[in-house]
C-alpha atoms as a PDB file:
ATOM      1  CA  MET A   1     100.274  41.521  82.634  1.00  0.00           C
ATOM      2  CA  ARG A   2      99.293  44.585  84.628  1.00  0.00           C
ATOM      3  CA  LYS A   3     102.956  45.089  85.513  1.00  0.00           C
ATOM      4  CA  LEU A   4     103.863  45.135  81.817  1.00  0.00           C
ATOM      5  CA  LEU A   5     101.191  47.697  81.016  1.00  0.00           C
ATOM      6  CA  MET A   6     102.277  49.851  83.955  1.00  0.00           C
ATOM      7  CA  LEU A   7     105.952  49.599  82.915  1.00  0.00           C
ATOM      8  CA  LEU A   8     105.099  50.566  79.346  1.00  0.00           C
ATOM      9  CA  ALA A   9     103.009  53.525  80.487  1.00  0.00           C
ATOM     10  CA  ILE A  10     105.747  54.732  82.851  1.00  0.00           C
ATOM     11  CA  GLY A  11     108.365  54.238  80.141  1.00  0.00           C
ATOM     12  CA  ALA A  12     106.333  56.269  77.657  1.00  0.00           C
ATOM     13  CA  VAL A  13     105.936  59.135  80.110  1.00  0.00           C
ATOM     14  CA  ALA A  14     109.595  59.031  81.164  1.00  0.00           C
ATOM     15  CA  SER A  15     110.939  58.869  77.628  1.00  0.00           C
ATOM     16  CA  SER A  16     108.722  61.705  76.439  1.00  0.00           C
ATOM     17  CA  ALA A  17     109.910  63.891  79.340  1.00  0.00           C
ATOM     18  CA  THR A  18     113.595  63.579  78.379  1.00  0.00           C
ATOM     19  CA  GLY A  19     115.495  65.189  75.544  1.00  0.00           C
ATOM     20  CA  CYS A  20     116.556  68.661  74.530  1.00  0.00           C
ATOM     21  CA  ALA A  21     114.056  69.420  71.775  1.00  0.00           C
ATOM     22  CA  PRO A  22     110.335  69.479  72.393  1.00  0.00           C
ATOM     23  CA  GLN A  23     108.954  66.205  71.166  1.00  0.00           C
ATOM     24  CA  ILE A  24     105.447  64.813  71.335  1.00  0.00           C
ATOM     25  CA  ARG A  25     104.859  61.066  71.497  1.00  0.00           C
ATOM     26  CA  TYR A  26     101.442  59.463  71.190  1.00  0.00           C
ATOM     27  CA  VAL A  27     101.194  55.874  72.460  1.00  0.00           C
ATOM     28  CA  THR A  28      98.361  53.369  72.098  1.00  0.00           C
ATOM     29  CA  LEU A  29      98.405  49.963  73.799  1.00  0.00           C
ATOM     30  CA  SER A  30      96.502  47.008  72.428  1.00  0.00           C
ATOM     31  CA  TYR A  31      96.272  43.576  74.019  1.00  0.00           C
ATOM     32  CA  ALA A  32      95.007  40.333  72.553  1.00  0.00           C
ATOM     33  CA  HIS A  33      94.718  37.026  74.384  1.00  0.00           C
ATOM     34  CA  ASN A  34      97.129  34.715  72.660  1.00  0.00           C
ATOM     35  CA  PRO A  35      99.547  31.983  73.759  1.00  0.00           C
ATOM     36  CA  THR A  36     102.499  34.387  73.854  1.00  0.00           C
ATOM     37  CA  ASN A  37     100.714  37.166  75.838  1.00  0.00           C
ATOM     38  CA  THR A  38     101.873  39.753  73.332  1.00  0.00           C
ATOM     39  CA  VAL A  39     101.016  43.419  73.779  1.00  0.00           C
ATOM     40  CA  TYR A  40     101.217  45.544  70.646  1.00  0.00           C
ATOM     41  CA  VAL A  41     102.348  49.113  71.209  1.00  0.00           C
ATOM     42  CA  ALA A  42     101.598  51.619  68.454  1.00  0.00           C
ATOM     43  CA  TYR A  43     103.146  55.060  68.675  1.00  0.00           C
ATOM     44  CA  THR A  44     103.947  58.101  66.609  1.00  0.00           C
ATOM     45  CA  GLU A  45     106.415  60.874  67.246  1.00  0.00           C
ATOM     46  CA  ARG A  46     106.460  64.482  66.151  1.00  0.00           C
ATOM     47  CA  PRO A  47     107.811  66.616  64.464  1.00  0.00           C
ATOM     48  CA  ILE A  48     108.105  63.791  61.900  1.00  0.00           C
ATOM     49  CA  VAL A  49     104.775  61.993  61.805  1.00  0.00           C
ATOM     50  CA  GLU A  50     105.524  58.322  61.293  1.00  0.00           C
ATOM     51  CA  ALA A  51     103.619  55.436  62.821  1.00  0.00           C
ATOM     52  CA  HIS A  52     105.595  52.684  64.548  1.00  0.00           C
ATOM     53  CA  MET A  53     104.600  49.344  66.045  1.00  0.00           C
ATOM     54  CA  MET A  54     106.314  47.142  68.622  1.00  0.00           C
ATOM     55  CA  ALA A  55     105.365  43.696  69.929  1.00  0.00           C
ATOM     56  CA  CYS A  56     106.124  43.347  73.640  1.00  0.00           C
ATOM     57  CA  THR A  57     106.069  40.257  75.850  1.00  0.00           C
ATOM     58  CA  VAL A  58     106.935  39.673  79.500  1.00  0.00           C
ATOM     59  CA  GLY A  59     110.254  37.950  80.058  1.00  0.00           C
ATOM     60  CA  ALA A  60     110.950  35.213  82.606  1.00  0.00           C
ATOM     61  CA  ASP A  61     112.191  37.809  85.123  1.00  0.00           C
ATOM     62  CA  ASN A  62     108.998  39.893  84.618  1.00  0.00           C
ATOM     63  CA  THR A  63     110.665  42.548  82.458  1.00  0.00           C
ATOM     64  CA  PRO A  64     109.179  43.668  79.146  1.00  0.00           C
ATOM     65  CA  VAL A  65     110.896  42.486  75.983  1.00  0.00           C
ATOM     66  CA  CYS A  66     109.913  44.596  72.958  1.00  0.00           C
ATOM     67  CA  ARG A  67     110.651  43.918  69.313  1.00  0.00           C
ATOM     68  CA  PRO A  68     110.133  46.468  66.505  1.00  0.00           C
ATOM     69  CA  GLN A  69     107.796  45.447  63.693  1.00  0.00           C
ATOM     70  CA  PRO A  70     109.334  46.985  60.523  1.00  0.00           C
ATOM     71  CA  ALA A  71     106.857  45.287  58.154  1.00  0.00           C
ATOM     72  CA  LEU A  72     103.940  46.823  60.053  1.00  0.00           C
ATOM     73  CA  ASP A  73     105.732  50.188  60.126  1.00  0.00           C
ATOM     74  CA  ARG A  74     106.020  50.133  56.324  1.00  0.00           C
ATOM     75  CA  LEU A  75     102.339  49.185  56.012  1.00  0.00           C
ATOM     76  CA  LEU A  76     101.230  51.947  58.402  1.00  0.00           C
ATOM     77  CA  ASN A  77     103.331  54.570  56.620  1.00  0.00           C
ATOM     78  CA  ALA A  78     102.511  53.535  53.036  1.00  0.00           C
ATOM     79  CA  PRO A  79     101.182  56.361  50.882  1.00  0.00           C
ATOM     80  CA  VAL A  80      97.440  56.296  50.243  1.00  0.00           C
ATOM     81  CA  GLN A  81      96.578  55.755  46.601  1.00  0.00           C
END
C-alpha cells in the first residue's frame, strides 16, 4: 500500500511539472480499509476549478489501477442551491 501512495505522489508531482501552460493541481489522498484496498484520489486543476475523484487499487503486478468516478465528479461540481 505504501508503494501505491508513493507512486501516486510521484505521479502527481511529475504530471504537474509537465506541460506548456502553467497549471496548478491540488491532490488529496484518502484511504479506507476495505476488502478491495481502494484509495480515493481527489484532485482539482486550475485555471478551471473542477473537482475530480478517482478510485485506485493495486494490481497483481503491484502497479496502480485508477478508475475515474464520473458520478462523484458530478456531485462534487453540482451548483449550490
